[in-house]
Amino acid sequence: MTYTAAAALGVVVAAVLDLFVFRVGLLKRVVFWATYPIVVFFQLLSNGILTGRNIVMYDPDAIIGWRLVYAPVEDLVFGFAMVLLTLDLWVWWGRRSN
């Protein structure tokens, strides 16, 4: 499985968990979308440093090749899934503890 396919699958899984399993619904909230650019800024900053200095390198056959601030776009997709799932679990566990 390529990094592109794994990142896309991660977004689908995170979205399904958000909307149908945990029923948190962050994807439906304006506050999520309004604050997500802050996460993207710092993700681009750190990815730009790591990939721009060749600390992290990607196999060209595993990515589609589009880059943003040196990092493959798949990193943004994967990061989105990771942040969404982390926030979903935070809210879901918080609801369960109450």
PDB file of N, CA and C in Angstrom:
ATOM      1  N   MET A   1       0.850  -1.175   0.000  1.00  0.00           N
ATOM      2  CA  MET A   1       0.000   0.000   0.000  1.00  0.00           C
ATOM      3  C   MET A   1       0.897   1.240   0.000  1.00  0.00           C
ATOM      4  N   THR A   2       0.605   2.170  -0.869  1.00  0.00           N
ATOM      5  CA  THR A   2       1.382   3.405  -0.929  1.00  0.00           C
ATOM      6  C   THR A   2       0.997   4.332   0.225  1.00  0.00           C
ATOM      7  N   TYR A   3       1.853   5.302   0.480  1.00  0.00           N
ATOM      8  CA  TYR A   3       1.560   6.295   1.514  1.00  0.00           C
ATOM      9  C   TYR A   3       0.306   7.069   1.146  1.00  0.00           C
ATOM     10  N   THR A   4       0.093   7.313  -0.138  1.00  0.00           N
ATOM     11  CA  THR A   4      -1.098   8.015  -0.607  1.00  0.00           C
ATOM     12  C   THR A   4      -2.354   7.236  -0.235  1.00  0.00           C
ATOM     13  N   ALA A   5      -2.359   5.949  -0.511  1.00  0.00           N
ATOM     14  CA  ALA A   5      -3.525   5.118  -0.203  1.00  0.00           C
ATOM     15  C   ALA A   5      -3.736   5.010   1.302  1.00  0.00           C
ATOM     16  N   ALA A   6      -2.653   4.872   2.061  1.00  0.00           N
ATOM     17  CA  ALA A   6      -2.777   4.776   3.519  1.00  0.00           C
ATOM     18  C   ALA A   6      -3.327   6.074   4.108  1.00  0.00           C
ATOM     19  N   ALA A   7      -2.879   7.206   3.604  1.00  0.00           N
ATOM     20  CA  ALA A   7      -3.371   8.494   4.096  1.00  0.00           C
ATOM     21  C   ALA A   7      -4.852   8.673   3.764  1.00  0.00           C
ATOM     22  N   ALA A   8      -5.239   8.325   2.549  1.00  0.00           N
ATOM     23  CA  ALA A   8      -6.647   8.433   2.149  1.00  0.00           C
ATOM     24  C   ALA A   8      -7.523   7.503   2.984  1.00  0.00           C
ATOM     25  N   LEU A   9      -7.059   6.288   3.199  1.00  0.00           N
ATOM     26  CA  LEU A   9      -7.797   5.349   4.036  1.00  0.00           C
ATOM     27  C   LEU A   9      -7.921   5.882   5.462  1.00  0.00           C
ATOM     28  N   GLY A  10      -6.859   6.500   5.957  1.00  0.00           N
ATOM     29  CA  GLY A  10      -6.896   7.082   7.298  1.00  0.00           C
ATOM     30  C   GLY A  10      -7.965   8.147   7.438  1.00  0.00           C
ATOM     31  N   VAL A  11      -8.125   8.985   6.421  1.00  0.00           N
ATOM     32  CA  VAL A  11      -9.155  10.028   6.462  1.00  0.00           C
ATOM     33  C   VAL A  11     -10.542   9.404   6.444  1.00  0.00           C
ATOM     34  N   VAL A  12     -10.742   8.414   5.608  1.00  0.00           N
ATOM     35  CA  VAL A  12     -12.051   7.751   5.538  1.00  0.00           C
ATOM     36  C   VAL A  12     -12.387   7.104   6.879  1.00  0.00           C
ATOM     37  N   VAL A  13     -11.442   6.390   7.452  1.00  0.00           N
ATOM     38  CA  VAL A  13     -11.674   5.731   8.746  1.00  0.00           C
ATOM     39  C   VAL A  13     -11.958   6.768   9.830  1.00  0.00           C
ATOM     40  N   ALA A  14     -11.166   7.829   9.878  1.00  0.00           N
ATOM     41  CA  ALA A  14     -11.375   8.864  10.896  1.00  0.00           C
ATOM     42  C   ALA A  14     -12.731   9.533  10.732  1.00  0.00           C
ATOM     43  N   ALA A  15     -13.149   9.796   9.493  1.00  0.00           N
ATOM     44  CA  ALA A  15     -14.447  10.426   9.253  1.00  0.00           C
ATOM     45  C   ALA A  15     -15.600   9.511   9.662  1.00  0.00           C
ATOM     46  N   VAL A  16     -15.490   8.231   9.325  1.00  0.00           N
ATOM     47  CA  VAL A  16     -16.531   7.270   9.720  1.00  0.00           C
ATOM     48  C   VAL A  16     -16.613   7.168  11.238  1.00  0.00           C
ATOM     49  N   LEU A  17     -15.466   7.102  11.898  1.00  0.00           N
ATOM     50  CA  LEU A  17     -15.469   7.039  13.366  1.00  0.00           C
ATOM     51  C   LEU A  17     -16.075   8.303  13.962  1.00  0.00           C
ATOM     52  N   ASP A  18     -15.732   9.454  13.395  1.00  0.00           N
ATOM     53  CA  ASP A  18     -16.253  10.730  13.899  1.00  0.00           C
ATOM     54  C   ASP A  18     -17.769  10.808  13.766  1.00  0.00           C
ATOM     55  N   LEU A  19     -18.276  10.449  12.600  1.00  0.00           N
ATOM     56  CA  LEU A  19     -19.696  10.656  12.317  1.00  0.00           C
ATOM     57  C   LEU A  19     -20.604   9.516  12.771  1.00  0.00           C
ATOM     58  N   PHE A  20     -20.127   8.278  12.710  1.00  0.00           N
ATOM     59  CA  PHE A  20     -21.031   7.154  12.919  1.00  0.00           C
ATOM     60  C   PHE A  20     -20.714   6.265  14.116  1.00  0.00           C
ATOM     61  N   VAL A  21     -19.467   6.183  14.520  1.00  0.00           N
ATOM     62  CA  VAL A  21     -19.110   5.301  15.630  1.00  0.00           C
ATOM     63  C   VAL A  21     -19.100   6.074  16.943  1.00  0.00           C
ATOM     64  N   PHE A  22     -18.221   7.093  17.029  1.00  0.00           N
ATOM     65  CA  PHE A  22     -18.154   7.884  18.257  1.00  0.00           C
ATOM     66  C   PHE A  22     -19.264   8.925  18.319  1.00  0.00           C
ATOM     67  N   ARG A  23     -19.796   9.293  17.161  1.00  0.00           N
ATOM     68  CA  ARG A  23     -20.859  10.293  17.037  1.00  0.00           C
ATOM     69  C   ARG A  23     -20.493  11.623  17.686  1.00  0.00           C
ATOM     70  N   VAL A  24     -19.248  12.014  17.515  1.00  0.00           N
ATOM     71  CA  VAL A  24     -18.775  13.297  18.032  1.00  0.00           C
ATOM     72  C   VAL A  24     -19.161  14.417  17.077  1.00  0.00           C
ATOM     73  N   GLY A  25     -19.027  14.182  15.787  1.00  0.00           N
ATOM     74  CA  GLY A  25     -19.450  15.145  14.783  1.00  0.00           C
ATOM     75  C   GLY A  25     -18.566  16.381  14.659  1.00  0.00           C
ATOM     76  N   LEU A  26     -17.278  16.220  14.904  1.00  0.00           N
ATOM     77  CA  LEU A  26     -16.382  17.371  14.748  1.00  0.00           C
ATOM     78  C   LEU A  26     -16.395  17.896  13.315  1.00  0.00           C
ATOM     79  N   LEU A  27     -16.563  17.018  12.361  1.00  0.00           N
ATOM     80  CA  LEU A  27     -16.574  17.438  10.960  1.00  0.00           C
ATOM     81  C   LEU A  27     -17.752  18.353  10.642  1.00  0.00           C
ATOM     82  N   LYS A  28     -18.755  18.363  11.473  1.00  0.00           N
ATOM     83  CA  LYS A  28     -19.935  19.210  11.269  1.00  0.00           C
ATOM     84  C   LYS A  28     -19.828  20.540  12.012  1.00  0.00           C
ATOM     85  N   ARG A  29     -18.772  20.720  12.782  1.00  0.00           N
ATOM     86  CA  ARG A  29     -18.664  21.911  13.628  1.00  0.00           C
ATOM     87  C   ARG A  29     -17.803  22.994  12.986  1.00  0.00           C
ATOM     88  N   VAL A  30     -18.333  24.195  12.990  1.00  0.00           N
ATOM     89  CA  VAL A  30     -17.612  25.335  12.439  1.00  0.00           C
ATOM     90  C   VAL A  30     -16.331  25.592  13.224  1.00  0.00           C
ATOM     91  N   VAL A  31     -16.366  25.415  14.526  1.00  0.00           N
ATOM     92  CA  VAL A  31     -15.185  25.685  15.349  1.00  0.00           C
ATOM     93  C   VAL A  31     -14.023  24.767  14.971  1.00  0.00           C
ATOM     94  N   PHE A  32     -14.306  23.539  14.587  1.00  0.00           N
ATOM     95  CA  PHE A  32     -13.247  22.634  14.141  1.00  0.00           C
ATOM     96  C   PHE A  32     -12.573  23.191  12.887  1.00  0.00           C
ATOM     97  N   TRP A  33     -13.376  23.569  11.909  1.00  0.00           N
ATOM     98  CA  TRP A  33     -12.834  24.069  10.641  1.00  0.00           C
ATOM     99  C   TRP A  33     -12.200  25.443  10.810  1.00  0.00           C
ATOM    100  N   ALA A  34     -12.686  26.227  11.751  1.00  0.00           N
ATOM    101  CA  ALA A  34     -12.110  27.557  11.979  1.00  0.00           C
ATOM    102  C   ALA A  34     -10.740  27.483  12.650  1.00  0.00           C
ATOM    103  N   THR A  35     -10.524  26.465  13.462  1.00  0.00           N
ATOM    104  CA  THR A  35      -9.256  26.339  14.179  1.00  0.00           C
ATOM    105  C   THR A  35      -8.269  25.397  13.500  1.00  0.00           C
ATOM    106  N   TYR A  36      -8.729  24.587  12.585  1.00  0.00           N
ATOM    107  CA  TYR A  36      -7.838  23.634  11.932  1.00  0.00           C
ATOM    108  C   TYR A  36      -6.687  24.301  11.176  1.00  0.00           C
ATOM    109  N   PRO A  37      -6.866  25.479  10.594  1.00  0.00           N
ATOM    110  CA  PRO A  37      -5.720  26.129   9.937  1.00  0.00           C
ATOM    111  C   PRO A  37      -4.524  26.374  10.874  1.00  0.00           C
ATOM    112  N   ILE A  38      -4.766  26.515  12.157  1.00  0.00           N
ATOM    113  CA  ILE A  38      -3.661  26.657  13.116  1.00  0.00           C
ATOM    114  C   ILE A  38      -2.828  25.379  13.126  1.00  0.00           C
ATOM    115  N   VAL A  39      -3.489  24.247  13.129  1.00  0.00           N
ATOM    116  CA  VAL A  39      -2.803  22.953  13.097  1.00  0.00           C
ATOM    117  C   VAL A  39      -2.026  22.812  11.791  1.00  0.00           C
ATOM    118  N   VAL A  40      -2.657  23.183  10.686  1.00  0.00           N
ATOM    119  CA  VAL A  40      -2.005  23.059   9.375  1.00  0.00           C
ATOM    120  C   VAL A  40      -0.755  23.938   9.312  1.00  0.00           C
ATOM    121  N   PHE A  41      -0.821  25.148   9.858  1.00  0.00           N
ATOM    122  CA  PHE A  41       0.343  26.029   9.858  1.00  0.00           C
ATOM    123  C   PHE A  41       1.539  25.365  10.534  1.00  0.00           C
ATOM    124  N   PHE A  42       1.317  24.837  11.739  1.00  0.00           N
ATOM    125  CA  PHE A  42       2.423  24.216  12.468  1.00  0.00           C
ATOM    126  C   PHE A  42       2.851  22.889  11.843  1.00  0.00           C
ATOM    127  N   GLN A  43       1.923  22.200  11.224  1.00  0.00           N
ATOM    128  CA  GLN A  43       2.275  20.974  10.518  1.00  0.00           C
ATOM    129  C   GLN A  43       3.165  21.298   9.316  1.00  0.00           C
ATOM    130  N   LEU A  44       2.815  22.320   8.571  1.00  0.00           N
ATOM    131  CA  LEU A  44       3.643  22.719   7.432  1.00  0.00           C
ATOM    132  C   LEU A  44       5.015  23.212   7.880  1.00  0.00           C
ATOM    133  N   LEU A  45       5.047  23.914   8.990  1.00  0.00           N
ATOM    134  CA  LEU A  45       6.316  24.399   9.519  1.00  0.00           C
ATOM    135  C   LEU A  45       7.241  23.234   9.882  1.00  0.00           C
ATOM    136  N   SER A  46       6.721  22.301  10.661  1.00  0.00           N
ATOM    137  CA  SER A  46       7.560  21.172  11.080  1.00  0.00           C
ATOM    138  C   SER A  46       7.888  20.250   9.905  1.00  0.00           C
ATOM    139  N   ASN A  47       6.917  19.973   9.049  1.00  0.00           N
ATOM    140  CA  ASN A  47       7.192  19.135   7.874  1.00  0.00           C
ATOM    141  C   ASN A  47       8.184  19.808   6.938  1.00  0.00           C
ATOM    142  N   GLY A  48       8.072  21.118   6.775  1.00  0.00           N
ATOM    143  CA  GLY A  48       9.000  21.844   5.924  1.00  0.00           C
ATOM    144  C   GLY A  48      10.430  21.741   6.417  1.00  0.00           C
ATOM    145  N   ILE A  49      10.599  21.849   7.717  1.00  0.00           N
ATOM    146  CA  ILE A  49      11.939  21.722   8.298  1.00  0.00           C
ATOM    147  C   ILE A  49      12.462  20.299   8.125  1.00  0.00           C
ATOM    148  N   LEU A  50      11.652  19.322   8.472  1.00  0.00           N
ATOM    149  CA  LEU A  50      12.109  17.932   8.427  1.00  0.00           C
ATOM    150  C   LEU A  50      12.392  17.447   7.006  1.00  0.00           C
ATOM    151  N   THR A  51      11.513  17.775   6.074  1.00  0.00           N
ATOM    152  CA  THR A  51      11.727  17.304   4.700  1.00  0.00           C
ATOM    153  C   THR A  51      12.659  18.218   3.925  1.00  0.00           C
ATOM    154  N   GLY A  52      12.645  19.517   4.221  1.00  0.00           N
ATOM    155  CA  GLY A  52      13.526  20.453   3.539  1.00  0.00           C
ATOM    156  C   GLY A  52      14.987  20.214   3.850  1.00  0.00           C
ATOM    157  N   ARG A  53      15.284  19.706   5.036  1.00  0.00           N
ATOM    158  CA  ARG A  53      16.666  19.400   5.427  1.00  0.00           C
ATOM    159  C   ARG A  53      17.012  17.927   5.217  1.00  0.00           C
ATOM    160  N   ASN A  54      16.117  17.207   4.578  1.00  0.00           N
ATOM    161  CA  ASN A  54      16.296  15.774   4.283  1.00  0.00           C
ATOM    162  C   ASN A  54      16.483  14.925   5.540  1.00  0.00           C
ATOM    163  N   ILE A  55      15.880  15.353   6.627  1.00  0.00           N
ATOM    164  CA  ILE A  55      15.847  14.525   7.833  1.00  0.00           C
ATOM    165  C   ILE A  55      14.854  13.389   7.613  1.00  0.00           C
ATOM    166  N   VAL A  56      13.751  13.721   6.955  1.00  0.00           N
ATOM    167  CA  VAL A  56      12.737  12.739   6.563  1.00  0.00           C
ATOM    168  C   VAL A  56      12.662  12.768   5.044  1.00  0.00           C
ATOM    169  N   MET A  57      12.760  11.593   4.438  1.00  0.00           N
ATOM    170  CA  MET A  57      12.678  11.490   2.980  1.00  0.00           C
ATOM    171  C   MET A  57      11.620  10.451   2.620  1.00  0.00           C
ATOM    172  N   TYR A  58      11.005  10.659   1.482  1.00  0.00           N
ATOM    173  CA  TYR A  58       9.934   9.777   1.032  1.00  0.00           C
ATOM    174  C   TYR A  58      10.328   9.099  -0.261  1.00  0.00           C
ATOM    175  N   ASP A  59       9.926   7.857  -0.402  1.00  0.00           N
ATOM    176  CA  ASP A  59      10.132   7.121  -1.640  1.00  0.00           C
ATOM    177  C   ASP A  59       9.223   7.746  -2.698  1.00  0.00           C
ATOM    178  N   PRO A  60       9.777   8.226  -3.787  1.00  0.00           N
ATOM    179  CA  PRO A  60       8.949   8.855  -4.821  1.00  0.00           C
ATOM    180  C   PRO A  60       7.869   7.930  -5.384  1.00  0.00           C
ATOM    181  N   ASP A  61       8.071   6.631  -5.301  1.00  0.00           N
ATOM    182  CA  ASP A  61       7.072   5.688  -5.806  1.00  0.00           C
ATOM    183  C   ASP A  61       5.900   5.510  -4.845  1.00  0.00           C
ATOM    184  N   ALA A  62       6.040   5.983  -3.620  1.00  0.00           N
ATOM    185  CA  ALA A  62       4.988   5.787  -2.617  1.00  0.00           C
ATOM    186  C   ALA A  62       4.085   7.007  -2.470  1.00  0.00           C
ATOM    187  N   ILE A  63       4.436   8.114  -3.110  1.00  0.00           N
ATOM    188  CA  ILE A  63       3.642   9.345  -3.004  1.00  0.00           C
ATOM    189  C   ILE A  63       3.278   9.829  -4.404  1.00  0.00           C
ATOM    190  N   ILE A  64       2.290  10.739  -4.465  1.00  0.00           N
ATOM    191  CA  ILE A  64       1.887  11.236  -5.784  1.00  0.00           C
ATOM    192  C   ILE A  64       2.834  12.314  -6.306  1.00  0.00           C
ATOM    193  N   GLY A  65       3.627  12.903  -5.419  1.00  0.00           N
ATOM    194  CA  GLY A  65       4.642  13.850  -5.861  1.00  0.00           C
ATOM    195  C   GLY A  65       4.313  15.309  -5.637  1.00  0.00           C
ATOM    196  N   TRP A  66       3.081  15.635  -5.302  1.00  0.00           N
ATOM    197  CA  TRP A  66       2.736  17.028  -5.017  1.00  0.00           C
ATOM    198  C   TRP A  66       3.292  17.386  -3.651  1.00  0.00           C
ATOM    199  N   ARG A  67       3.938  18.526  -3.571  1.00  0.00           N
ATOM    200  CA  ARG A  67       4.545  18.949  -2.309  1.00  0.00           C
ATOM    201  C   ARG A  67       4.069  20.339  -1.942  1.00  0.00           C
ATOM    202  N   LEU A  68       4.011  20.571  -0.656  1.00  0.00           N
ATOM    203  CA  LEU A  68       3.661  21.871  -0.105  1.00  0.00           C
ATOM    204  C   LEU A  68       4.662  22.148   0.998  1.00  0.00           C
ATOM    205  N   VAL A  69       5.451  23.184   0.851  1.00  0.00           N
ATOM    206  CA  VAL A  69       6.540  23.500   1.781  1.00  0.00           C
ATOM    207  C   VAL A  69       7.420  22.251   1.971  1.00  0.00           C
ATOM    208  N   TYR A  70       7.874  21.705   0.902  1.00  0.00           N
ATOM    209  CA  TYR A  70       8.762  20.535   0.845  1.00  0.00           C
ATOM    210  C   TYR A  70       8.089  19.207   1.196  1.00  0.00           C
ATOM    211  N   ALA A  71       7.008  19.228   1.942  1.00  0.00           N
ATOM    212  CA  ALA A  71       6.390  17.982   2.407  1.00  0.00           C
ATOM    213  C   ALA A  71       5.358  17.483   1.394  1.00  0.00           C
ATOM    214  N   PRO A  72       5.244  16.179   1.230  1.00  0.00           N
ATOM    215  CA  PRO A  72       4.209  15.648   0.340  1.00  0.00           C
ATOM    216  C   PRO A  72       2.813  15.957   0.888  1.00  0.00           C
ATOM    217  N   VAL A  73       1.876  16.175  -0.012  1.00  0.00           N
ATOM    218  CA  VAL A  73       0.511  16.495   0.424  1.00  0.00           C
ATOM    219  C   VAL A  73      -0.090  15.362   1.261  1.00  0.00           C
ATOM    220  N   GLU A  74       0.422  14.160   1.076  1.00  0.00           N
ATOM    221  CA  GLU A  74      -0.068  13.036   1.871  1.00  0.00           C
ATOM    222  C   GLU A  74       0.139  13.285   3.368  1.00  0.00           C
ATOM    223  N   ASP A  75       1.190  14.040   3.710  1.00  0.00           N
ATOM    224  CA  ASP A  75       1.417  14.352   5.122  1.00  0.00           C
ATOM    225  C   ASP A  75       0.277  15.190   5.688  1.00  0.00           C
ATOM    226  N   LEU A  76      -0.234  16.113   4.890  1.00  0.00           N
ATOM    227  CA  LEU A  76      -1.376  16.918   5.346  1.00  0.00           C
ATOM    228  C   LEU A  76      -2.621  16.053   5.510  1.00  0.00           C
ATOM    229  N   VAL A  77      -2.819  15.141   4.580  1.00  0.00           N
ATOM    230  CA  VAL A  77      -3.976  14.248   4.643  1.00  0.00           C
ATOM    231  C   VAL A  77      -3.864  13.339   5.860  1.00  0.00           C
ATOM    232  N   PHE A  78      -2.702  12.726   6.039  1.00  0.00           N
ATOM    233  CA  PHE A  78      -2.487  11.857   7.192  1.00  0.00           C
ATOM    234  C   PHE A  78      -2.611  12.645   8.492  1.00  0.00           C
ATOM    235  N   GLY A  79      -2.042  13.850   8.524  1.00  0.00           N
ATOM    236  CA  GLY A  79      -2.131  14.693   9.722  1.00  0.00           C
ATOM    237  C   GLY A  79      -3.565  15.039  10.062  1.00  0.00           C
ATOM    238  N   PHE A  80      -4.381  15.293   9.034  1.00  0.00           N
ATOM    239  CA  PHE A  80      -5.800  15.576   9.267  1.00  0.00           C
ATOM    240  C   PHE A  80      -6.476  14.405   9.957  1.00  0.00           C
ATOM    241  N   ALA A  81      -6.238  13.204   9.451  1.00  0.00           N
ATOM    242  CA  ALA A  81      -6.844  12.003  10.045  1.00  0.00           C
ATOM    243  C   ALA A  81      -6.372  11.814  11.481  1.00  0.00           C
ATOM    244  N   MET A  82      -5.096  12.040  11.711  1.00  0.00           N
ATOM    245  CA  MET A  82      -4.536  11.857  13.049  1.00  0.00           C
ATOM    246  C   MET A  82      -5.129  12.864  14.041  1.00  0.00           C
ATOM    247  N   VAL A  83      -5.221  14.123  13.646  1.00  0.00           N
ATOM    248  CA  VAL A  83      -5.778  15.155  14.530  1.00  0.00           C
ATOM    249  C   VAL A  83      -7.262  14.895  14.777  1.00  0.00           C
ATOM    250  N   LEU A  84      -8.001  14.577  13.726  1.00  0.00           N
ATOM    251  CA  LEU A  84      -9.436  14.308  13.882  1.00  0.00           C
ATOM    252  C   LEU A  84      -9.668  13.140  14.831  1.00  0.00           C
ATOM    253  N   LEU A  85      -8.961  12.054  14.641  1.00  0.00           N
ATOM    254  CA  LEU A  85      -9.150  10.886  15.498  1.00  0.00           C
ATOM    255  C   LEU A  85      -8.745  11.185  16.944  1.00  0.00           C
ATOM    256  N   THR A  86      -7.657  11.922  17.135  1.00  0.00           N
ATOM    257  CA  THR A  86      -7.224  12.275  18.489  1.00  0.00           C
ATOM    258  C   THR A  86      -8.276  13.121  19.198  1.00  0.00           C
ATOM    259  N   LEU A  87      -8.804  14.121  18.504  1.00  0.00           N
ATOM    260  CA  LEU A  87      -9.836  14.974  19.116  1.00  0.00           C
ATOM    261  C   LEU A  87     -11.127  14.199  19.363  1.00  0.00           C
ATOM    262  N   ASP A  88     -11.481  13.321  18.428  1.00  0.00           N
ATOM    263  CA  ASP A  88     -12.671  12.485  18.625  1.00  0.00           C
ATOM    264  C   ASP A  88     -12.538  11.627  19.881  1.00  0.00           C
ATOM    265  N   LEU A  89     -11.397  10.990  20.045  1.00  0.00           N
ATOM    266  CA  LEU A  89     -11.195  10.151  21.225  1.00  0.00           C
ATOM    267  C   LEU A  89     -11.214  10.982  22.501  1.00  0.00           C
ATOM    268  N   TRP A  90     -10.634  12.165  22.448  1.00  0.00           N
ATOM    269  CA  TRP A  90     -10.618  13.065  23.612  1.00  0.00           C
ATOM    270  C   TRP A  90     -12.054  13.399  24.041  1.00  0.00           C
ATOM    271  N   VAL A  91     -12.881  13.795  23.078  1.00  0.00           N
ATOM    272  CA  VAL A  91     -14.273  14.153  23.388  1.00  0.00           C
ATOM    273  C   VAL A  91     -15.058  12.920  23.823  1.00  0.00           C
ATOM    274  N   TRP A  92     -14.885  11.821  23.120  1.00  0.00           N
ATOM    275  CA  TRP A  92     -15.640  10.604  23.413  1.00  0.00           C
ATOM    276  C   TRP A  92     -15.319  10.083  24.817  1.00  0.00           C
ATOM    277  N   TRP A  93     -14.019  10.013  25.145  1.00  0.00           N
ATOM    278  CA  TRP A  93     -13.648   9.557  26.488  1.00  0.00           C
ATOM    279  C   TRP A  93     -14.102  10.546  27.547  1.00  0.00           C
ATOM    280  N   GLY A  94     -14.082  11.840  27.225  1.00  0.00           N
ATOM    281  CA  GLY A  94     -14.556  12.842  28.175  1.00  0.00           C
ATOM    282  C   GLY A  94     -16.040  12.684  28.461  1.00  0.00           C
ATOM    283  N   ARG A  95     -16.810  12.400  27.461  1.00  0.00           N
ATOM    284  CA  ARG A  95     -18.258  12.169  27.641  1.00  0.00           C
ATOM    285  C   ARG A  95     -18.508  10.919  28.485  1.00  0.00           C
ATOM    286  N   ARG A  96     -17.716   9.889  28.257  1.00  0.00           N
ATOM    287  CA  ARG A  96     -17.887   8.631  29.002  1.00  0.00           C
ATOM    288  C   ARG A  96     -17.544   8.776  30.473  1.00  0.00           C
ATOM    289  N   SER A  97     -16.583   9.657  30.781  1.00  0.00           N
ATOM    290  CA  SER A  97     -16.159   9.811  32.178  1.00  0.00           C
ATOM    291  C   SER A  97     -17.163  10.603  32.991  1.00  0.00           C
ATOM    292  N   ASN A  98     -18.022  11.351  32.296  1.00  0.00           N
ATOM    293  CA  ASN A  98     -19.041  12.121  33.018  1.00  0.00           C
ATOM    294  C   ASN A  98     -20.201  11.256  33.239  1.00  0.00           C
TER     295      ASN A  98
END
